[in-house]
Amino acid sequence: MNDPISSAKKALHLVIYGHVQGVFYRQSMLEEAELLGVAGWVRNRPDRTVEAMVQGDAGAVDAIVRWAQRGPAMASVERVDVTPGTGNYSGFEIR
């Protein structure tokens, strides 16, 4: 039997490409996630991309994906690869 609360949740894995390191991308995403009530994490990867796992209500997750596609003012996002995500997070953190 599906739990209606958990079925309303959505989890996505994001990889953000472009000039996204050294421009406060992770801190800005943390602040946006907290505003939207999205849980998960964000981290820099060695290949100069940023990776994130986002989870929450479908509308909030969709909103953070839209935000990720533009990022903070100093970022220059080329593209965001979005795939289904997994996990159960209670807050949002920078890793």
PDB file of N, CA and C in Angstrom:
ATOM      1  N   MET A   1       0.842  -1.184   0.000  1.00  0.00           N
ATOM      2  CA  MET A   1       0.000   0.000   0.000  1.00  0.00           C
ATOM      3  C   MET A   1       0.888   1.250   0.000  1.00  0.00           C
ATOM      4  N   ASN A   2       0.601   2.193  -0.851  1.00  0.00           N
ATOM      5  CA  ASN A   2       1.389   3.416  -0.941  1.00  0.00           C
ATOM      6  C   ASN A   2       1.001   4.392   0.151  1.00  0.00           C
ATOM      7  N   ASP A   3       1.994   4.980   0.770  1.00  0.00           N
ATOM      8  CA  ASP A   3       1.774   6.035   1.738  1.00  0.00           C
ATOM      9  C   ASP A   3       1.587   7.337   0.956  1.00  0.00           C
ATOM     10  N   PRO A   4       0.450   8.024   1.090  1.00  0.00           N
ATOM     11  CA  PRO A   4       0.223   9.235   0.301  1.00  0.00           C
ATOM     12  C   PRO A   4       1.249  10.328   0.563  1.00  0.00           C
ATOM     13  N   ILE A   5       1.811  10.374   1.765  1.00  0.00           N
ATOM     14  CA  ILE A   5       2.801  11.405   2.061  1.00  0.00           C
ATOM     15  C   ILE A   5       4.087  11.129   1.288  1.00  0.00           C
ATOM     16  N   SER A   6       4.588   9.886   1.327  1.00  0.00           N
ATOM     17  CA  SER A   6       5.842   9.592   0.633  1.00  0.00           C
ATOM     18  C   SER A   6       5.662   9.597  -0.880  1.00  0.00           C
ATOM     19  N   SER A   7       4.467   9.272  -1.372  1.00  0.00           N
ATOM     20  CA  SER A   7       4.265   9.275  -2.819  1.00  0.00           C
ATOM     21  C   SER A   7       4.240  10.695  -3.383  1.00  0.00           C
ATOM     22  N   ALA A   8       4.006  11.703  -2.532  1.00  0.00           N
ATOM     23  CA  ALA A   8       4.020  13.093  -2.972  1.00  0.00           C
ATOM     24  C   ALA A   8       5.449  13.642  -3.028  1.00  0.00           C
ATOM     25  N   LYS A   9       6.400  12.857  -2.525  1.00  0.00           N
ATOM     26  CA  LYS A   9       7.800  13.289  -2.526  1.00  0.00           C
ATOM     27  C   LYS A   9       8.450  12.933  -3.859  1.00  0.00           C
ATOM     28  N   LYS A  10       9.454  13.705  -4.201  1.00  0.00           N
ATOM     29  CA  LYS A  10      10.187  13.514  -5.445  1.00  0.00           C
ATOM     30  C   LYS A  10      11.664  13.656  -5.120  1.00  0.00           C
ATOM     31  N   ALA A  11      12.498  12.807  -5.717  1.00  0.00           N
ATOM     32  CA  ALA A  11      13.952  12.900  -5.518  1.00  0.00           C
ATOM     33  C   ALA A  11      14.629  12.894  -6.879  1.00  0.00           C
ATOM     34  N   LEU A  12      15.556  13.835  -7.072  1.00  0.00           N
ATOM     35  CA  LEU A  12      16.285  13.935  -8.332  1.00  0.00           C
ATOM     36  C   LEU A  12      17.774  14.114  -8.072  1.00  0.00           C
ATOM     37  N   HIS A  13      18.570  13.577  -8.975  1.00  0.00           N
ATOM     38  CA  HIS A  13      20.020  13.745  -8.948  1.00  0.00           C
ATOM     39  C   HIS A  13      20.364  14.741 -10.050  1.00  0.00           C
ATOM     40  N   LEU A  14      21.159  15.759  -9.709  1.00  0.00           N
ATOM     41  CA  LEU A  14      21.516  16.807 -10.663  1.00  0.00           C
ATOM     42  C   LEU A  14      23.025  16.860 -10.839  1.00  0.00           C
ATOM     43  N   VAL A  15      23.458  17.071 -12.069  1.00  0.00           N
ATOM     44  CA  VAL A  15      24.849  17.404 -12.351  1.00  0.00           C
ATOM     45  C   VAL A  15      24.816  18.700 -13.153  1.00  0.00           C
ATOM     46  N   ILE A  16      25.455  19.735 -12.596  1.00  0.00           N
ATOM     47  CA  ILE A  16      25.398  21.067 -13.173  1.00  0.00           C
ATOM     48  C   ILE A  16      26.736  21.372 -13.850  1.00  0.00           C
ATOM     49  N   TYR A  17      26.675  21.739 -15.126  1.00  0.00           N
ATOM     50  CA  TYR A  17      27.855  22.020 -15.947  1.00  0.00           C
ATOM     51  C   TYR A  17      27.958  23.508 -16.228  1.00  0.00           C
ATOM     52  N   GLY A  18      29.170  23.978 -16.409  1.00  0.00           N
ATOM     53  CA  GLY A  18      29.419  25.378 -16.735  1.00  0.00           C
ATOM     54  C   GLY A  18      30.429  25.958 -15.753  1.00  0.00           C
ATOM     55  N   HIS A  19      30.411  27.277 -15.619  1.00  0.00           N
ATOM     56  CA  HIS A  19      31.268  27.955 -14.639  1.00  0.00           C
ATOM     57  C   HIS A  19      30.475  27.993 -13.339  1.00  0.00           C
ATOM     58  N   VAL A  20      30.591  26.890 -12.553  1.00  0.00           N
ATOM     59  CA  VAL A  20      29.745  26.725 -11.376  1.00  0.00           C
ATOM     60  C   VAL A  20      30.534  26.479 -10.087  1.00  0.00           C
ATOM     61  N   GLN A  21      31.864  26.480 -10.175  1.00  0.00           N
ATOM     62  CA  GLN A  21      32.666  26.377  -8.956  1.00  0.00           C
ATOM     63  C   GLN A  21      33.367  27.711  -8.724  1.00  0.00           C
ATOM     64  N   GLY A  22      33.479  28.077  -7.452  1.00  0.00           N
ATOM     65  CA  GLY A  22      34.113  29.346  -7.112  1.00  0.00           C
ATOM     66  C   GLY A  22      33.205  30.551  -7.304  1.00  0.00           C
ATOM     67  N   VAL A  23      31.898  30.315  -7.412  1.00  0.00           N
ATOM     68  CA  VAL A  23      30.936  31.404  -7.632  1.00  0.00           C
ATOM     69  C   VAL A  23      29.790  31.355  -6.608  1.00  0.00           C
ATOM     70  N   PHE A  24      30.027  30.693  -5.480  1.00  0.00           N
ATOM     71  CA  PHE A  24      29.040  30.562  -4.404  1.00  0.00           C
ATOM     72  C   PHE A  24      27.824  29.733  -4.816  1.00  0.00           C
ATOM     73  N   TYR A  25      28.027  28.823  -5.772  1.00  0.00           N
ATOM     74  CA  TYR A  25      26.907  27.993  -6.241  1.00  0.00           C
ATOM     75  C   TYR A  25      26.358  27.118  -5.116  1.00  0.00           C
ATOM     76  N   ARG A  26      27.246  26.413  -4.416  1.00  0.00           N
ATOM     77  CA  ARG A  26      26.776  25.499  -3.361  1.00  0.00           C
ATOM     78  C   ARG A  26      26.084  26.250  -2.234  1.00  0.00           C
ATOM     79  N   GLN A  27      26.665  27.330  -1.763  1.00  0.00           N
ATOM     80  CA  GLN A  27      26.041  28.101  -0.688  1.00  0.00           C
ATOM     81  C   GLN A  27      24.696  28.674  -1.139  1.00  0.00           C
ATOM     82  N   SER A  28      24.645  29.170  -2.358  1.00  0.00           N
ATOM     83  CA  SER A  28      23.391  29.722  -2.882  1.00  0.00           C
ATOM     84  C   SER A  28      22.330  28.633  -3.017  1.00  0.00           C
ATOM     85  N   MET A  29      22.736  27.426  -3.440  1.00  0.00           N
ATOM     86  CA  MET A  29      21.777  26.336  -3.558  1.00  0.00           C
ATOM     87  C   MET A  29      21.264  25.920  -2.183  1.00  0.00           C
ATOM     88  N   LEU A  30      22.136  25.905  -1.190  1.00  0.00           N
ATOM     89  CA  LEU A  30      21.724  25.602   0.179  1.00  0.00           C
ATOM     90  C   LEU A  30      20.649  26.589   0.633  1.00  0.00           C
ATOM     91  N   GLU A  31      20.880  27.868   0.407  1.00  0.00           N
ATOM     92  CA  GLU A  31      19.917  28.896   0.819  1.00  0.00           C
ATOM     93  C   GLU A  31      18.586  28.733   0.080  1.00  0.00           C
ATOM     94  N   GLU A  32      18.647  28.455  -1.227  1.00  0.00           N
ATOM     95  CA  GLU A  32      17.423  28.270  -2.014  1.00  0.00           C
ATOM     96  C   GLU A  32      16.669  27.025  -1.551  1.00  0.00           C
ATOM     97  N   ALA A  33      17.395  25.952  -1.290  1.00  0.00           N
ATOM     98  CA  ALA A  33      16.766  24.707  -0.822  1.00  0.00           C
ATOM     99  C   ALA A  33      16.060  24.922   0.511  1.00  0.00           C
ATOM    100  N   GLU A  34      16.708  25.662   1.407  1.00  0.00           N
ATOM    101  CA  GLU A  34      16.080  25.926   2.700  1.00  0.00           C
ATOM    102  C   GLU A  34      14.816  26.768   2.536  1.00  0.00           C
ATOM    103  N   LEU A  35      14.841  27.733   1.637  1.00  0.00           N
ATOM    104  CA  LEU A  35      13.645  28.549   1.368  1.00  0.00           C
ATOM    105  C   LEU A  35      12.500  27.700   0.827  1.00  0.00           C
ATOM    106  N   LEU A  36      12.840  26.745  -0.039  1.00  0.00           N
ATOM    107  CA  LEU A  36      11.828  25.904  -0.688  1.00  0.00           C
ATOM    108  C   LEU A  36      11.422  24.696   0.142  1.00  0.00           C
ATOM    109  N   GLY A  37      12.171  24.408   1.202  1.00  0.00           N
ATOM    110  CA  GLY A  37      11.884  23.214   2.001  1.00  0.00           C
ATOM    111  C   GLY A  37      12.358  21.937   1.331  1.00  0.00           C
ATOM    112  N   VAL A  38      13.417  22.034   0.538  1.00  0.00           N
ATOM    113  CA  VAL A  38      13.978  20.882  -0.162  1.00  0.00           C
ATOM    114  C   VAL A  38      15.121  20.309   0.674  1.00  0.00           C
ATOM    115  N   ALA A  39      15.183  18.983   0.759  1.00  0.00           N
ATOM    116  CA  ALA A  39      16.252  18.302   1.487  1.00  0.00           C
ATOM    117  C   ALA A  39      17.253  17.728   0.486  1.00  0.00           C
ATOM    118  N   GLY A  40      18.432  17.314   0.993  1.00  0.00           N
ATOM    119  CA  GLY A  40      19.433  16.678   0.149  1.00  0.00           C
ATOM    120  C   GLY A  40      20.814  17.230   0.405  1.00  0.00           C
ATOM    121  N   TRP A  41      21.613  17.296  -0.636  1.00  0.00           N
ATOM    122  CA  TRP A  41      23.000  17.768  -0.513  1.00  0.00           C
ATOM    123  C   TRP A  41      23.506  18.309  -1.841  1.00  0.00           C
ATOM    124  N   VAL A  42      24.623  19.039  -1.764  1.00  0.00           N
ATOM    125  CA  VAL A  42      25.291  19.577  -2.951  1.00  0.00           C
ATOM    126  C   VAL A  42      26.793  19.508  -2.706  1.00  0.00           C
ATOM    127  N   ARG A  43      27.557  19.224  -3.762  1.00  0.00           N
ATOM    128  CA  ARG A  43      29.017  19.160  -3.626  1.00  0.00           C
ATOM    129  C   ARG A  43      29.692  19.458  -4.953  1.00  0.00           C
ATOM    130  N   ASN A  44      30.947  19.920  -4.853  1.00  0.00           N
ATOM    131  CA  ASN A  44      31.787  20.095  -6.031  1.00  0.00           C
ATOM    132  C   ASN A  44      32.340  18.735  -6.439  1.00  0.00           C
ATOM    133  N   ARG A  45      32.535  18.539  -7.736  1.00  0.00           N
ATOM    134  CA  ARG A  45      33.172  17.324  -8.238  1.00  0.00           C
ATOM    135  C   ARG A  45      34.516  17.705  -8.858  1.00  0.00           C
ATOM    136  N   PRO A  46      35.451  16.742  -8.899  1.00  0.00           N
ATOM    137  CA  PRO A  46      36.785  17.042  -9.439  1.00  0.00           C
ATOM    138  C   PRO A  46      36.776  17.533 -10.891  1.00  0.00           C
ATOM    139  N   ASP A  47      35.742  17.180 -11.661  1.00  0.00           N
ATOM    140  CA  ASP A  47      35.686  17.596 -13.068  1.00  0.00           C
ATOM    141  C   ASP A  47      35.127  19.009 -13.242  1.00  0.00           C
ATOM    142  N   ARG A  48      35.020  19.771 -12.137  1.00  0.00           N
ATOM    143  CA  ARG A  48      34.572  21.173 -12.121  1.00  0.00           C
ATOM    144  C   ARG A  48      33.057  21.320 -12.284  1.00  0.00           C
ATOM    145  N   THR A  49      32.318  20.213 -12.219  1.00  0.00           N
ATOM    146  CA  THR A  49      30.860  20.294 -12.183  1.00  0.00           C
ATOM    147  C   THR A  49      30.416  20.340 -10.724  1.00  0.00           C
ATOM    148  N   VAL A  50      29.147  20.606 -10.523  1.00  0.00           N
ATOM    149  CA  VAL A  50      28.536  20.544  -9.203  1.00  0.00           C
ATOM    150  C   VAL A  50      27.475  19.451  -9.260  1.00  0.00           C
ATOM    151  N   GLU A  51      27.422  18.644  -8.211  1.00  0.00           N
ATOM    152  CA  GLU A  51      26.468  17.539  -8.129  1.00  0.00           C
ATOM    153  C   GLU A  51      25.536  17.791  -6.955  1.00  0.00           C
ATOM    154  N   ALA A  52      24.269  17.445  -7.116  1.00  0.00           N
ATOM    155  CA  ALA A  52      23.307  17.622  -6.026  1.00  0.00           C
ATOM    156  C   ALA A  52      22.277  16.504  -6.045  1.00  0.00           C
ATOM    157  N   MET A  53      21.784  16.179  -4.868  1.00  0.00           N
ATOM    158  CA  MET A  53      20.633  15.297  -4.701  1.00  0.00           C
ATOM    159  C   MET A  53      19.577  16.141  -4.018  1.00  0.00           C
ATOM    160  N   VAL A  54      18.412  16.244  -4.618  1.00  0.00           N
ATOM    161  CA  VAL A  54      17.345  17.073  -4.058  1.00  0.00           C
ATOM    162  C   VAL A  54      16.102  16.225  -3.858  1.00  0.00           C
ATOM    163  N   GLN A  55      15.424  16.454  -2.742  1.00  0.00           N
ATOM    164  CA  GLN A  55      14.244  15.664  -2.402  1.00  0.00           C
ATOM    165  C   GLN A  55      13.241  16.543  -1.671  1.00  0.00           C
ATOM    166  N   GLY A  56      11.976  16.342  -2.006  1.00  0.00           N
ATOM    167  CA  GLY A  56      10.928  17.097  -1.327  1.00  0.00           C
ATOM    168  C   GLY A  56       9.632  17.000  -2.101  1.00  0.00           C
ATOM    169  N   ASP A  57       8.731  17.903  -1.792  1.00  0.00           N
ATOM    170  CA  ASP A  57       7.473  17.959  -2.530  1.00  0.00           C
ATOM    171  C   ASP A  57       7.778  18.236  -3.997  1.00  0.00           C
ATOM    172  N   ALA A  58       7.001  17.642  -4.877  1.00  0.00           N
ATOM    173  CA  ALA A  58       7.274  17.731  -6.313  1.00  0.00           C
ATOM    174  C   ALA A  58       7.425  19.175  -6.787  1.00  0.00           C
ATOM    175  N   GLY A  59       6.562  20.069  -6.358  1.00  0.00           N
ATOM    176  CA  GLY A  59       6.636  21.460  -6.795  1.00  0.00           C
ATOM    177  C   GLY A  59       7.916  22.142  -6.339  1.00  0.00           C
ATOM    178  N   ALA A  60       8.346  21.855  -5.105  1.00  0.00           N
ATOM    179  CA  ALA A  60       9.574  22.447  -4.581  1.00  0.00           C
ATOM    180  C   ALA A  60      10.801  21.893  -5.296  1.00  0.00           C
ATOM    181  N   VAL A  61      10.795  20.598  -5.583  1.00  0.00           N
ATOM    182  CA  VAL A  61      11.916  19.990  -6.309  1.00  0.00           C
ATOM    183  C   VAL A  61      11.995  20.563  -7.716  1.00  0.00           C
ATOM    184  N   ASP A  62      10.862  20.696  -8.378  1.00  0.00           N
ATOM    185  CA  ASP A  62      10.856  21.304  -9.712  1.00  0.00           C
ATOM    186  C   ASP A  62      11.396  22.738  -9.656  1.00  0.00           C
ATOM    187  N   ALA A  63      11.062  23.471  -8.590  1.00  0.00           N
ATOM    188  CA  ALA A  63      11.529  24.851  -8.443  1.00  0.00           C
ATOM    189  C   ALA A  63      13.043  24.903  -8.243  1.00  0.00           C
ATOM    190  N   ILE A  64      13.613  23.982  -7.483  1.00  0.00           N
ATOM    191  CA  ILE A  64      15.067  24.001  -7.278  1.00  0.00           C
ATOM    192  C   ILE A  64      15.788  23.589  -8.559  1.00  0.00           C
ATOM    193  N   VAL A  65      15.175  22.728  -9.367  1.00  0.00           N
ATOM    194  CA  VAL A  65      15.778  22.374 -10.660  1.00  0.00           C
ATOM    195  C   VAL A  65      15.796  23.607 -11.567  1.00  0.00           C
ATOM    196  N   ARG A  66      14.699  24.357 -11.589  1.00  0.00           N
ATOM    197  CA  ARG A  66      14.674  25.595 -12.384  1.00  0.00           C
ATOM    198  C   ARG A  66      15.737  26.567 -11.893  1.00  0.00           C
ATOM    199  N   TRP A  67      15.879  26.679 -10.560  1.00  0.00           N
ATOM    200  CA  TRP A  67      16.917  27.549 -10.002  1.00  0.00           C
ATOM    201  C   TRP A  67      18.297  27.054 -10.431  1.00  0.00           C
ATOM    202  N   ALA A  68      18.539  25.746 -10.374  1.00  0.00           N
ATOM    203  CA  ALA A  68      19.843  25.162 -10.726  1.00  0.00           C
ATOM    204  C   ALA A  68      20.227  25.480 -12.166  1.00  0.00           C
ATOM    205  N   GLN A  69      19.240  25.639 -13.032  1.00  0.00           N
ATOM    206  CA  GLN A  69      19.508  25.913 -14.438  1.00  0.00           C
ATOM    207  C   GLN A  69      20.032  27.329 -14.665  1.00  0.00           C
ATOM    208  N   ARG A  70      19.875  28.208 -13.681  1.00  0.00           N
ATOM    209  CA  ARG A  70      20.460  29.552 -13.797  1.00  0.00           C
ATOM    210  C   ARG A  70      21.518  29.789 -12.729  1.00  0.00           C
ATOM    211  N   GLY A  71      21.317  29.261 -11.509  1.00  0.00           N
ATOM    212  CA  GLY A  71      22.288  29.402 -10.438  1.00  0.00           C
ATOM    213  C   GLY A  71      22.383  30.820  -9.913  1.00  0.00           C
ATOM    214  N   PRO A  72      23.398  31.085  -9.089  1.00  0.00           N
ATOM    215  CA  PRO A  72      23.588  32.429  -8.545  1.00  0.00           C
ATOM    216  C   PRO A  72      24.117  33.384  -9.613  1.00  0.00           C
ATOM    217  N   ALA A  73      24.133  34.648  -9.290  1.00  0.00           N
ATOM    218  CA  ALA A  73      24.479  35.692 -10.261  1.00  0.00           C
ATOM    219  C   ALA A  73      25.823  35.479 -10.953  1.00  0.00           C
ATOM    220  N   MET A  74      26.836  35.014 -10.232  1.00  0.00           N
ATOM    221  CA  MET A  74      28.172  34.885 -10.818  1.00  0.00           C
ATOM    222  C   MET A  74      28.369  33.591 -11.610  1.00  0.00           C
ATOM    223  N   ALA A  75      27.412  32.680 -11.542  1.00  0.00           N
ATOM    224  CA  ALA A  75      27.539  31.405 -12.253  1.00  0.00           C
ATOM    225  C   ALA A  75      27.162  31.562 -13.722  1.00  0.00           C
ATOM    226  N   SER A  76      27.666  30.649 -14.528  1.00  0.00           N
ATOM    227  CA  SER A  76      27.278  30.550 -15.931  1.00  0.00           C
ATOM    228  C   SER A  76      26.971  29.076 -16.201  1.00  0.00           C
ATOM    229  N   VAL A  77      25.699  28.726 -16.075  1.00  0.00           N
ATOM    230  CA  VAL A  77      25.282  27.335 -16.203  1.00  0.00           C
ATOM    231  C   VAL A  77      25.096  26.998 -17.675  1.00  0.00           C
ATOM    232  N   GLU A  78      25.789  25.951 -18.131  1.00  0.00           N
ATOM    233  CA  GLU A  78      25.643  25.473 -19.510  1.00  0.00           C
ATOM    234  C   GLU A  78      24.488  24.489 -19.635  1.00  0.00           C
ATOM    235  N   ARG A  79      24.422  23.553 -18.685  1.00  0.00           N
ATOM    236  CA  ARG A  79      23.328  22.582 -18.701  1.00  0.00           C
ATOM    237  C   ARG A  79      23.238  21.890 -17.360  1.00  0.00           C
ATOM    238  N   VAL A  80      22.079  21.271 -17.116  1.00  0.00           N
ATOM    239  CA  VAL A  80      21.859  20.478 -15.910  1.00  0.00           C
ATOM    240  C   VAL A  80      21.320  19.127 -16.350  1.00  0.00           C
ATOM    241  N   ASP A  81      22.071  18.068 -16.034  1.00  0.00           N
ATOM    242  CA  ASP A  81      21.584  16.710 -16.287  1.00  0.00           C
ATOM    243  C   ASP A  81      20.755  16.284 -15.084  1.00  0.00           C
ATOM    244  N   VAL A  82      19.531  15.844 -15.331  1.00  0.00           N
ATOM    245  CA  VAL A  82      18.605  15.463 -14.268  1.00  0.00           C
ATOM    246  C   VAL A  82      18.233  13.998 -14.443  1.00  0.00           C
ATOM    247  N   THR A  83      18.436  13.201 -13.398  1.00  0.00           N
ATOM    248  CA  THR A  83      18.055  11.792 -13.395  1.00  0.00           C
ATOM    249  C   THR A  83      17.322  11.496 -12.092  1.00  0.00           C
ATOM    250  N   PRO A  84      16.562  10.399 -12.049  1.00  0.00           N
ATOM    251  CA  PRO A  84      15.883  10.044 -10.798  1.00  0.00           C
ATOM    252  C   PRO A  84      16.893   9.863  -9.662  1.00  0.00           C
ATOM    253  N   GLY A  85      16.506  10.264  -8.474  1.00  0.00           N
ATOM    254  CA  GLY A  85      17.381  10.159  -7.308  1.00  0.00           C
ATOM    255  C   GLY A  85      16.809   9.221  -6.266  1.00  0.00           C
ATOM    256  N   THR A  86      17.626   8.939  -5.272  1.00  0.00           N
ATOM    257  CA  THR A  86      17.217   8.075  -4.165  1.00  0.00           C
ATOM    258  C   THR A  86      17.701   8.675  -2.863  1.00  0.00           C
ATOM    259  N   GLY A  87      17.186   8.159  -1.784  1.00  0.00           N
ATOM    260  CA  GLY A  87      17.636   8.588  -0.464  1.00  0.00           C
ATOM    261  C   GLY A  87      16.509   9.198   0.332  1.00  0.00           C
ATOM    262  N   ASN A  88      16.799   9.394   1.596  1.00  0.00           N
ATOM    263  CA  ASN A  88      15.833   9.999   2.503  1.00  0.00           C
ATOM    264  C   ASN A  88      16.594  11.016   3.352  1.00  0.00           C
ATOM    265  N   TYR A  89      16.357  12.280   3.113  1.00  0.00           N
ATOM    266  CA  TYR A  89      17.131  13.347   3.735  1.00  0.00           C
ATOM    267  C   TYR A  89      16.227  14.192   4.625  1.00  0.00           C
ATOM    268  N   SER A  90      16.799  14.680   5.716  1.00  0.00           N
ATOM    269  CA  SER A  90      15.999  15.488   6.634  1.00  0.00           C
ATOM    270  C   SER A  90      16.340  16.968   6.566  1.00  0.00           C
ATOM    271  N   GLY A  91      17.420  17.308   5.900  1.00  0.00           N
ATOM    272  CA  GLY A  91      17.828  18.698   5.743  1.00  0.00           C
ATOM    273  C   GLY A  91      18.666  18.811   4.484  1.00  0.00           C
ATOM    274  N   PHE A  92      19.260  19.966   4.267  1.00  0.00           N
ATOM    275  CA  PHE A  92      20.099  20.168   3.089  1.00  0.00           C
ATOM    276  C   PHE A  92      21.484  20.542   3.569  1.00  0.00           C
ATOM    277  N   GLU A  93      22.522  19.944   2.960  1.00  0.00           N
ATOM    278  CA  GLU A  93      23.884  20.200   3.388  1.00  0.00           C
ATOM    279  C   GLU A  93      24.844  20.331   2.222  1.00  0.00           C
ATOM    280  N   ILE A  94      25.927  21.041   2.480  1.00  0.00           N
ATOM    281  CA  ILE A  94      27.043  21.119   1.537  1.00  0.00           C
ATOM    282  C   ILE A  94      28.014  20.026   1.938  1.00  0.00           C
ATOM    283  N   ARG A  95      28.384  19.216   0.977  1.00  0.00           N
ATOM    284  CA  ARG A  95      29.342  18.127   1.257  1.00  0.00           C
ATOM    285  C   ARG A  95      30.692  18.461   0.719  1.00  0.00           C
TER     286      ARG A  95
END
